[in-house]
N, C-alpha and C. Protein backbone atom coordinates (compact mmCIF):
# COMPACT_ATOMS: atom_id res chain seq x y z
N MET A 1 -9.90 23.88 23.64
CA MET A 1 -11.29 23.75 24.00
C MET A 1 -12.11 23.54 22.73
N THR A 2 -12.97 22.54 22.76
CA THR A 2 -13.80 22.23 21.61
C THR A 2 -15.12 22.98 21.73
N VAL A 3 -15.53 23.59 20.64
CA VAL A 3 -16.80 24.30 20.63
C VAL A 3 -17.73 23.57 19.68
N ALA A 4 -18.88 23.20 20.17
CA ALA A 4 -19.87 22.51 19.34
C ALA A 4 -20.96 23.49 18.95
N VAL A 5 -21.43 23.37 17.73
CA VAL A 5 -22.51 24.22 17.25
C VAL A 5 -23.75 23.37 17.15
N PHE A 6 -24.85 23.86 17.70
CA PHE A 6 -26.10 23.12 17.72
C PHE A 6 -27.22 23.97 17.15
N THR A 7 -28.23 23.29 16.67
CA THR A 7 -29.46 23.95 16.25
C THR A 7 -30.61 23.34 17.03
N ILE A 8 -31.73 24.00 17.05
CA ILE A 8 -32.90 23.49 17.75
C ILE A 8 -33.93 23.09 16.71
N SER A 9 -34.37 21.83 16.80
CA SER A 9 -35.34 21.32 15.82
C SER A 9 -36.71 21.91 16.11
N SER A 10 -37.65 21.61 15.22
CA SER A 10 -39.01 22.12 15.39
C SER A 10 -39.69 21.53 16.63
N GLN A 11 -39.23 20.36 17.10
CA GLN A 11 -39.81 19.77 18.31
C GLN A 11 -39.08 20.22 19.58
N GLY A 12 -38.09 21.08 19.45
CA GLY A 12 -37.37 21.58 20.61
C GLY A 12 -36.19 20.72 21.00
N SER A 13 -35.74 19.82 20.11
CA SER A 13 -34.57 18.99 20.39
C SER A 13 -33.32 19.71 19.95
N LEU A 14 -32.26 19.47 20.68
CA LEU A 14 -30.98 20.08 20.37
C LEU A 14 -30.25 19.16 19.39
N CYS A 15 -29.82 19.67 18.25
CA CYS A 15 -29.18 18.87 17.22
C CYS A 15 -27.81 19.43 16.90
N SER A 16 -26.88 18.54 16.61
CA SER A 16 -25.60 19.03 16.13
C SER A 16 -25.78 19.51 14.69
N ARG A 17 -24.90 20.40 14.25
CA ARG A 17 -25.04 20.98 12.92
C ARG A 17 -25.00 19.87 11.88
N GLY A 18 -25.95 19.88 10.98
CA GLY A 18 -26.00 18.91 9.90
C GLY A 18 -26.80 17.66 10.23
N ALA A 19 -27.22 17.48 11.47
CA ALA A 19 -27.99 16.28 11.83
C ALA A 19 -29.44 16.46 11.42
N THR A 20 -30.07 15.38 11.03
CA THR A 20 -31.48 15.45 10.71
C THR A 20 -32.27 15.42 12.01
N GLU A 21 -33.51 15.88 11.95
CA GLU A 21 -34.33 15.93 13.17
C GLU A 21 -34.53 14.54 13.76
N ALA A 22 -34.52 13.52 12.93
CA ALA A 22 -34.71 12.16 13.43
C ALA A 22 -33.53 11.71 14.29
N HIS A 23 -32.37 12.32 14.11
CA HIS A 23 -31.17 11.93 14.85
C HIS A 23 -30.90 12.80 16.08
N CYS A 24 -31.77 13.75 16.37
CA CYS A 24 -31.57 14.62 17.52
C CYS A 24 -31.85 13.84 18.80
N LYS A 25 -30.93 13.91 19.76
CA LYS A 25 -31.07 13.13 20.99
C LYS A 25 -31.30 13.97 22.22
N TYR A 26 -30.90 15.19 22.20
CA TYR A 26 -30.91 15.99 23.41
C TYR A 26 -32.04 17.00 23.36
N SER A 27 -32.95 16.89 24.26
CA SER A 27 -34.13 17.74 24.26
C SER A 27 -33.85 19.01 25.05
N LEU A 28 -34.23 20.14 24.53
CA LEU A 28 -34.08 21.41 25.21
C LEU A 28 -35.37 21.69 25.96
N ARG A 29 -35.33 21.53 27.26
CA ARG A 29 -36.52 21.74 28.08
C ARG A 29 -36.61 23.20 28.50
N ARG A 30 -37.80 23.59 28.86
CA ARG A 30 -38.03 24.97 29.29
C ARG A 30 -37.12 25.31 30.47
N GLY A 31 -36.37 26.37 30.36
CA GLY A 31 -35.52 26.84 31.44
C GLY A 31 -34.19 26.12 31.55
N GLN A 32 -33.90 25.15 30.68
CA GLN A 32 -32.66 24.40 30.76
C GLN A 32 -31.55 25.23 30.12
N ALA A 33 -30.53 25.49 30.86
CA ALA A 33 -29.44 26.34 30.37
C ALA A 33 -28.57 25.59 29.39
N ALA A 34 -27.99 26.32 28.46
CA ALA A 34 -27.10 25.72 27.48
C ALA A 34 -25.88 25.10 28.15
N VAL A 35 -25.45 25.68 29.26
CA VAL A 35 -24.29 25.16 29.99
C VAL A 35 -24.60 23.75 30.50
N LYS A 36 -25.80 23.56 31.02
CA LYS A 36 -26.20 22.26 31.53
C LYS A 36 -26.24 21.23 30.40
N ILE A 37 -26.73 21.63 29.25
CA ILE A 37 -26.77 20.73 28.10
C ILE A 37 -25.35 20.36 27.68
N ALA A 38 -24.47 21.35 27.65
CA ALA A 38 -23.08 21.08 27.28
C ALA A 38 -22.45 20.11 28.27
N GLN A 39 -22.75 20.25 29.55
CA GLN A 39 -22.22 19.34 30.57
C GLN A 39 -22.74 17.93 30.32
N GLN A 40 -24.02 17.79 30.01
CA GLN A 40 -24.59 16.47 29.73
C GLN A 40 -23.90 15.83 28.53
N LEU A 41 -23.64 16.62 27.52
CA LEU A 41 -22.97 16.09 26.34
C LEU A 41 -21.55 15.65 26.68
N ARG A 42 -20.82 16.45 27.46
CA ARG A 42 -19.47 16.07 27.87
C ARG A 42 -19.50 14.79 28.68
N ASP A 43 -20.45 14.67 29.61
CA ASP A 43 -20.55 13.47 30.44
C ASP A 43 -20.81 12.24 29.59
N ARG A 44 -21.69 12.37 28.60
CA ARG A 44 -22.01 11.23 27.75
C ARG A 44 -20.81 10.83 26.91
N ARG A 45 -20.06 11.84 26.43
CA ARG A 45 -18.89 11.54 25.61
C ARG A 45 -17.80 10.88 26.44
N SER A 46 -17.60 11.31 27.66
CA SER A 46 -16.51 10.77 28.48
C SER A 46 -16.89 9.45 29.13
N ASN A 47 -18.15 9.03 28.98
CA ASN A 47 -18.64 7.77 29.56
C ASN A 47 -18.38 7.70 31.06
N ARG A 48 -18.55 8.82 31.73
CA ARG A 48 -18.41 8.87 33.18
C ARG A 48 -19.49 8.05 33.84
N VAL A 49 -19.10 7.30 34.87
CA VAL A 49 -20.09 6.55 35.63
C VAL A 49 -20.84 7.55 36.50
N PRO A 50 -22.16 7.52 36.47
CA PRO A 50 -22.92 8.48 37.28
C PRO A 50 -22.61 8.32 38.77
N ASP A 51 -22.66 9.43 39.49
CA ASP A 51 -22.39 9.40 40.92
C ASP A 51 -23.35 8.46 41.64
N THR A 52 -24.58 8.34 41.17
CA THR A 52 -25.56 7.47 41.81
C THR A 52 -25.09 6.03 41.79
N THR A 53 -24.52 5.60 40.69
CA THR A 53 -24.04 4.23 40.56
C THR A 53 -22.95 3.95 41.59
N LEU A 54 -21.99 4.85 41.69
CA LEU A 54 -20.90 4.67 42.65
C LEU A 54 -21.41 4.74 44.09
N THR A 55 -22.30 5.68 44.35
CA THR A 55 -22.84 5.85 45.69
C THR A 55 -23.60 4.60 46.12
N ARG A 56 -24.44 4.08 45.24
CA ARG A 56 -25.19 2.88 45.58
C ARG A 56 -24.27 1.70 45.84
N ARG A 57 -23.23 1.54 45.03
CA ARG A 57 -22.29 0.43 45.23
C ARG A 57 -21.57 0.58 46.57
N ARG A 58 -21.09 1.77 46.87
CA ARG A 58 -20.39 2.00 48.15
C ARG A 58 -21.31 1.71 49.33
N ASN A 59 -22.54 2.17 49.24
CA ASN A 59 -23.48 1.95 50.34
C ASN A 59 -23.85 0.47 50.48
N ALA A 60 -23.98 -0.23 49.35
CA ALA A 60 -24.25 -1.67 49.42
C ALA A 60 -23.07 -2.40 50.05
N LEU A 61 -21.87 -1.99 49.72
CA LEU A 61 -20.69 -2.59 50.33
C LEU A 61 -20.62 -2.27 51.82
N ALA A 62 -21.06 -1.08 52.20
CA ALA A 62 -21.10 -0.73 53.62
C ALA A 62 -22.12 -1.59 54.36
N LEU A 63 -23.26 -1.88 53.71
CA LEU A 63 -24.25 -2.77 54.30
C LEU A 63 -23.67 -4.17 54.50
N PHE A 64 -22.94 -4.65 53.50
CA PHE A 64 -22.32 -5.98 53.62
C PHE A 64 -21.29 -5.98 54.74
N LYS A 65 -20.49 -4.93 54.81
CA LYS A 65 -19.47 -4.85 55.85
C LYS A 65 -20.12 -4.89 57.24
N ALA A 66 -21.18 -4.13 57.42
CA ALA A 66 -21.88 -4.14 58.70
C ALA A 66 -22.46 -5.52 59.00
N TYR A 67 -23.04 -6.15 57.97
CA TYR A 67 -23.60 -7.50 58.13
C TYR A 67 -22.50 -8.49 58.52
N ALA A 68 -21.37 -8.43 57.83
CA ALA A 68 -20.27 -9.36 58.10
C ALA A 68 -19.70 -9.16 59.50
N GLU A 69 -19.52 -7.91 59.91
CA GLU A 69 -18.99 -7.65 61.25
C GLU A 69 -19.93 -8.18 62.32
N GLU A 70 -21.22 -7.97 62.12
CA GLU A 70 -22.22 -8.45 63.08
C GLU A 70 -22.25 -9.98 63.12
N ALA A 71 -22.20 -10.60 61.97
CA ALA A 71 -22.24 -12.07 61.90
C ALA A 71 -20.97 -12.68 62.51
N LEU A 72 -19.82 -12.10 62.23
CA LEU A 72 -18.57 -12.61 62.80
C LEU A 72 -18.55 -12.43 64.31
N ALA A 73 -19.08 -11.32 64.79
CA ALA A 73 -19.14 -11.09 66.24
C ALA A 73 -20.07 -12.10 66.92
N ALA A 74 -21.08 -12.57 66.18
CA ALA A 74 -22.01 -13.56 66.72
C ALA A 74 -21.45 -14.97 66.60
N GLY A 75 -20.27 -15.13 66.01
CA GLY A 75 -19.63 -16.43 65.92
C GLY A 75 -19.84 -17.16 64.61
N ALA A 76 -20.38 -16.52 63.62
CA ALA A 76 -20.60 -17.16 62.32
C ALA A 76 -19.26 -17.37 61.60
N SER A 77 -19.23 -18.36 60.77
CA SER A 77 -18.04 -18.65 59.97
C SER A 77 -17.96 -17.67 58.80
N PRO A 78 -16.75 -17.22 58.47
CA PRO A 78 -16.63 -16.31 57.33
C PRO A 78 -16.96 -16.99 56.00
N LYS A 79 -16.83 -18.32 55.98
CA LYS A 79 -17.14 -19.06 54.76
C LYS A 79 -18.64 -18.98 54.48
N GLY A 80 -19.00 -18.59 53.29
CA GLY A 80 -20.40 -18.49 52.90
C GLY A 80 -21.08 -17.21 53.32
N MET A 81 -20.31 -16.26 53.83
CA MET A 81 -20.86 -14.99 54.29
C MET A 81 -21.52 -14.21 53.15
N GLU A 82 -20.86 -14.17 52.00
CA GLU A 82 -21.40 -13.42 50.87
C GLU A 82 -22.67 -14.08 50.32
N GLN A 83 -22.70 -15.41 50.30
CA GLN A 83 -23.89 -16.10 49.83
C GLN A 83 -25.06 -15.84 50.77
N ALA A 84 -24.79 -15.81 52.06
CA ALA A 84 -25.85 -15.54 53.04
C ALA A 84 -26.38 -14.11 52.88
N PHE A 85 -25.47 -13.17 52.63
CA PHE A 85 -25.90 -11.79 52.44
C PHE A 85 -26.73 -11.66 51.17
N ALA A 86 -26.31 -12.35 50.10
CA ALA A 86 -27.08 -12.33 48.85
C ALA A 86 -28.48 -12.91 49.08
N ALA A 87 -28.58 -13.93 49.91
CA ALA A 87 -29.88 -14.52 50.22
C ALA A 87 -30.77 -13.53 50.96
N ILE A 88 -30.18 -12.75 51.86
CA ILE A 88 -30.94 -11.72 52.57
C ILE A 88 -31.48 -10.69 51.59
N LEU A 89 -30.66 -10.35 50.59
CA LEU A 89 -31.07 -9.36 49.58
C LEU A 89 -32.01 -9.96 48.54
N GLN A 90 -32.19 -11.27 48.59
CA GLN A 90 -33.01 -12.01 47.64
C GLN A 90 -32.50 -11.88 46.21
N ILE A 91 -31.18 -11.98 46.09
CA ILE A 91 -30.52 -12.00 44.79
C ILE A 91 -29.58 -13.20 44.77
N SER A 92 -29.11 -13.57 43.60
CA SER A 92 -28.18 -14.69 43.51
C SER A 92 -26.79 -14.25 43.97
N PRO A 93 -25.98 -15.20 44.46
CA PRO A 93 -24.59 -14.86 44.81
C PRO A 93 -23.83 -14.30 43.62
N SER A 94 -24.16 -14.76 42.42
CA SER A 94 -23.52 -14.25 41.22
C SER A 94 -23.83 -12.77 41.01
N MET A 95 -25.09 -12.40 41.22
CA MET A 95 -25.46 -10.99 41.05
C MET A 95 -24.75 -10.13 42.10
N TRP A 96 -24.66 -10.62 43.34
CA TRP A 96 -23.96 -9.87 44.38
C TRP A 96 -22.50 -9.66 43.97
N SER A 97 -21.89 -10.69 43.42
CA SER A 97 -20.50 -10.59 42.96
C SER A 97 -20.38 -9.54 41.85
N GLN A 98 -21.34 -9.52 40.94
CA GLN A 98 -21.33 -8.53 39.85
C GLN A 98 -21.53 -7.12 40.39
N ILE A 99 -22.39 -6.97 41.39
CA ILE A 99 -22.62 -5.65 41.99
C ILE A 99 -21.33 -5.14 42.62
N LYS A 100 -20.64 -6.02 43.34
CA LYS A 100 -19.38 -5.63 43.98
C LYS A 100 -18.36 -5.19 42.95
N ALA A 101 -18.36 -5.85 41.80
CA ALA A 101 -17.36 -5.55 40.77
C ALA A 101 -17.70 -4.29 39.99
N SER A 102 -18.88 -4.25 39.36
CA SER A 102 -19.18 -3.07 38.54
C SER A 102 -20.62 -2.96 38.09
N ARG A 103 -21.45 -3.95 38.35
CA ARG A 103 -22.83 -3.89 37.86
C ARG A 103 -23.59 -2.77 38.55
N PRO A 104 -24.23 -1.90 37.80
CA PRO A 104 -25.02 -0.83 38.42
C PRO A 104 -26.24 -1.39 39.15
N ILE A 105 -26.61 -0.74 40.22
CA ILE A 105 -27.80 -1.11 40.98
C ILE A 105 -28.92 -0.21 40.49
N GLY A 106 -29.93 -0.81 39.85
CA GLY A 106 -31.06 -0.05 39.34
C GLY A 106 -31.97 0.41 40.46
N ASP A 107 -32.95 1.23 40.11
CA ASP A 107 -33.88 1.77 41.10
C ASP A 107 -34.66 0.67 41.82
N LYS A 108 -35.15 -0.29 41.08
CA LYS A 108 -35.96 -1.36 41.68
C LYS A 108 -35.13 -2.18 42.67
N LEU A 109 -33.92 -2.56 42.27
CA LEU A 109 -33.06 -3.33 43.16
C LEU A 109 -32.62 -2.49 44.36
N ALA A 110 -32.38 -1.21 44.15
CA ALA A 110 -31.99 -0.33 45.26
C ALA A 110 -33.09 -0.29 46.32
N ARG A 111 -34.34 -0.12 45.87
CA ARG A 111 -35.46 -0.09 46.83
C ARG A 111 -35.61 -1.44 47.53
N GLN A 112 -35.37 -2.55 46.80
CA GLN A 112 -35.45 -3.88 47.38
C GLN A 112 -34.39 -4.05 48.48
N ILE A 113 -33.17 -3.64 48.20
CA ILE A 113 -32.09 -3.74 49.18
C ILE A 113 -32.41 -2.91 50.41
N GLU A 114 -32.89 -1.69 50.20
CA GLU A 114 -33.23 -0.82 51.33
C GLU A 114 -34.32 -1.45 52.20
N THR A 115 -35.32 -2.01 51.57
CA THR A 115 -36.42 -2.62 52.31
C THR A 115 -35.94 -3.82 53.11
N LEU A 116 -35.18 -4.70 52.47
CA LEU A 116 -34.74 -5.93 53.12
C LEU A 116 -33.67 -5.69 54.19
N CYS A 117 -32.98 -4.57 54.09
CA CYS A 117 -31.97 -4.23 55.10
C CYS A 117 -32.49 -3.20 56.11
N ALA A 118 -33.80 -2.98 56.10
CA ALA A 118 -34.45 -2.07 57.06
C ALA A 118 -33.86 -0.66 57.01
N ARG A 119 -33.70 -0.14 55.81
CA ARG A 119 -33.23 1.23 55.61
C ARG A 119 -34.35 2.04 54.97
N PRO A 120 -34.39 3.33 55.21
CA PRO A 120 -35.44 4.17 54.59
C PRO A 120 -35.25 4.25 53.07
N LEU A 121 -36.33 4.52 52.36
CA LEU A 121 -36.25 4.66 50.91
C LEU A 121 -35.30 5.79 50.55
N GLY A 122 -34.43 5.52 49.59
CA GLY A 122 -33.45 6.52 49.17
C GLY A 122 -32.13 6.42 49.92
N TRP A 123 -32.03 5.51 50.89
CA TRP A 123 -30.82 5.40 51.71
C TRP A 123 -29.60 5.07 50.86
N LEU A 124 -29.75 4.18 49.89
CA LEU A 124 -28.61 3.80 49.05
C LEU A 124 -28.13 4.95 48.17
N ASP A 125 -28.99 5.92 47.91
CA ASP A 125 -28.64 7.03 47.01
C ASP A 125 -27.92 8.17 47.71
N GLU A 126 -27.86 8.13 49.02
CA GLU A 126 -27.25 9.23 49.78
C GLU A 126 -25.76 8.99 49.98
N THR A 127 -24.98 10.02 49.72
CA THR A 127 -23.54 9.94 49.94
C THR A 127 -23.28 10.03 51.43
N ARG A 128 -22.49 9.13 51.93
CA ARG A 128 -22.13 9.16 53.35
C ARG A 128 -20.65 8.88 53.51
N GLN A 129 -20.11 9.42 54.56
CA GLN A 129 -18.68 9.30 54.80
C GLN A 129 -18.28 7.90 55.26
N ASP A 130 -19.21 7.18 55.91
CA ASP A 130 -18.87 5.88 56.47
C ASP A 130 -18.98 4.74 55.46
N ALA A 131 -19.29 5.04 54.20
CA ALA A 131 -19.40 4.00 53.18
C ALA A 131 -18.03 3.39 52.93
N ALA A 132 -18.01 2.09 52.71
CA ALA A 132 -16.76 1.37 52.51
C ALA A 132 -16.08 1.82 51.22
N PRO A 133 -14.79 2.16 51.30
CA PRO A 133 -14.08 2.53 50.07
C PRO A 133 -13.82 1.30 49.21
N ASP A 134 -13.79 1.50 47.90
CA ASP A 134 -13.46 0.37 47.04
C ASP A 134 -11.95 0.19 47.01
N ALA A 135 -11.48 -0.81 46.30
CA ALA A 135 -10.05 -1.14 46.29
C ALA A 135 -9.20 0.01 45.75
N ALA A 136 -9.67 0.68 44.70
CA ALA A 136 -8.92 1.79 44.12
C ALA A 136 -8.81 2.95 45.10
N GLU A 137 -9.91 3.24 45.81
CA GLU A 137 -9.87 4.32 46.80
C GLU A 137 -8.93 3.98 47.94
N ALA A 138 -8.97 2.74 48.41
CA ALA A 138 -8.09 2.32 49.50
C ALA A 138 -6.62 2.43 49.07
N ALA A 139 -6.32 2.04 47.83
CA ALA A 139 -4.95 2.14 47.32
C ALA A 139 -4.52 3.60 47.23
N PHE A 140 -5.44 4.48 46.80
CA PHE A 140 -5.11 5.89 46.71
C PHE A 140 -4.82 6.48 48.09
N VAL A 141 -5.68 6.16 49.05
CA VAL A 141 -5.49 6.68 50.41
C VAL A 141 -4.14 6.22 50.97
N GLU A 142 -3.81 4.96 50.73
CA GLU A 142 -2.51 4.44 51.20
C GLU A 142 -1.36 5.19 50.55
N LEU A 143 -1.45 5.43 49.24
CA LEU A 143 -0.42 6.16 48.52
C LEU A 143 -0.33 7.61 49.01
N ALA A 144 -1.48 8.24 49.22
CA ALA A 144 -1.50 9.62 49.70
C ALA A 144 -0.86 9.73 51.09
N LEU A 145 -1.14 8.76 51.95
CA LEU A 145 -0.53 8.76 53.28
C LEU A 145 0.98 8.61 53.20
N LYS A 146 1.44 7.72 52.33
CA LYS A 146 2.89 7.56 52.16
C LYS A 146 3.53 8.85 51.67
N ALA A 147 2.89 9.51 50.67
CA ALA A 147 3.42 10.77 50.15
C ALA A 147 3.42 11.85 51.22
N TRP A 148 2.34 11.92 52.00
CA TRP A 148 2.22 12.91 53.06
C TRP A 148 3.31 12.72 54.12
N ARG A 149 3.48 11.48 54.55
CA ARG A 149 4.44 11.17 55.61
C ARG A 149 5.88 11.32 55.16
N ALA A 150 6.13 11.13 53.86
CA ALA A 150 7.49 11.24 53.34
C ALA A 150 7.86 12.68 52.97
N SER A 151 6.91 13.58 53.02
CA SER A 151 7.15 14.96 52.58
C SER A 151 7.52 15.87 53.74
N SER A 152 8.21 16.94 53.38
CA SER A 152 8.49 17.99 54.36
C SER A 152 7.26 18.90 54.43
N GLY A 153 7.35 19.93 55.23
CA GLY A 153 6.23 20.88 55.35
C GLY A 153 5.88 21.51 54.02
N ALA A 154 6.89 21.85 53.21
CA ALA A 154 6.65 22.46 51.90
C ALA A 154 5.99 21.46 50.96
N GLY A 155 6.44 20.21 51.01
CA GLY A 155 5.85 19.17 50.17
C GLY A 155 4.40 18.91 50.53
N ARG A 156 4.10 18.93 51.82
CA ARG A 156 2.72 18.72 52.27
C ARG A 156 1.84 19.87 51.81
N LYS A 157 2.37 21.08 51.89
CA LYS A 157 1.61 22.25 51.44
C LYS A 157 1.33 22.15 49.95
N GLU A 158 2.33 21.74 49.17
CA GLU A 158 2.17 21.60 47.73
C GLU A 158 1.14 20.51 47.40
N LEU A 159 1.20 19.40 48.11
CA LEU A 159 0.25 18.31 47.90
C LEU A 159 -1.18 18.77 48.20
N ARG A 160 -1.36 19.49 49.30
CA ARG A 160 -2.68 20.00 49.67
C ARG A 160 -3.20 20.97 48.62
N GLN A 161 -2.32 21.88 48.14
CA GLN A 161 -2.74 22.85 47.12
C GLN A 161 -3.13 22.14 45.82
N HIS A 162 -2.37 21.10 45.46
CA HIS A 162 -2.68 20.37 44.23
C HIS A 162 -4.05 19.71 44.32
N LEU A 163 -4.35 19.10 45.45
CA LEU A 163 -5.66 18.46 45.63
C LEU A 163 -6.79 19.49 45.62
N ARG A 164 -6.56 20.62 46.22
CA ARG A 164 -7.58 21.68 46.20
C ARG A 164 -7.82 22.18 44.78
N ARG A 165 -6.74 22.30 43.97
CA ARG A 165 -6.90 22.72 42.57
C ARG A 165 -7.75 21.71 41.81
N ILE A 166 -7.51 20.44 42.05
CA ILE A 166 -8.29 19.39 41.36
C ILE A 166 -9.76 19.52 41.74
N LEU A 167 -10.05 19.70 43.01
CA LEU A 167 -11.44 19.84 43.45
C LEU A 167 -12.08 21.09 42.87
N ARG A 168 -11.34 22.19 42.86
CA ARG A 168 -11.86 23.43 42.31
C ARG A 168 -12.16 23.28 40.82
N ASP A 169 -11.24 22.67 40.08
CA ASP A 169 -11.45 22.46 38.64
C ASP A 169 -12.61 21.52 38.38
N ARG A 170 -12.78 20.54 39.24
CA ARG A 170 -13.89 19.58 39.10
C ARG A 170 -15.23 20.28 39.31
N LYS A 171 -15.28 21.21 40.28
CA LYS A 171 -16.52 21.95 40.53
C LYS A 171 -16.84 22.88 39.37
N ALA A 172 -15.81 23.39 38.70
CA ALA A 172 -16.02 24.30 37.57
C ALA A 172 -16.62 23.58 36.38
N ASP A 173 -16.33 22.27 36.25
CA ASP A 173 -16.91 21.50 35.14
C ASP A 173 -18.36 21.38 35.37
């Protein structure tokens, strides 16, 4: 376990030992716990993608999936479906492709998508179970099902316990 030592500058910024006040990046706000600051520092170091970014992407993909299912049921051709959806969102097909791949959806674009898709403000930011899984999640679920089905009762119990340990450890961070 790495222990970092910090000092507090005269302006209330949190500084690593030896840093000048001009280089302090993390502000210590009233009532902000040191644990929360440490978590923010760990998150920044690990370059974790914020949950909001992933949630917005999943929800945008769920919107596209719903749009595509509705259009196909109405007899539309699958060709050009993504371009038509991008036009509804008032973005370029290239931007839609980037969003699907990894481009974060900013606040302004999120509100635009919600408005144009007749969703309440903040809809893209809410985690929901019906959001479309990305390719990595789908591959994991397929692998987990194979492992589950190939295991005996003891193997299934061990798999379940391992997943619970991961979730418990994740909550502790």
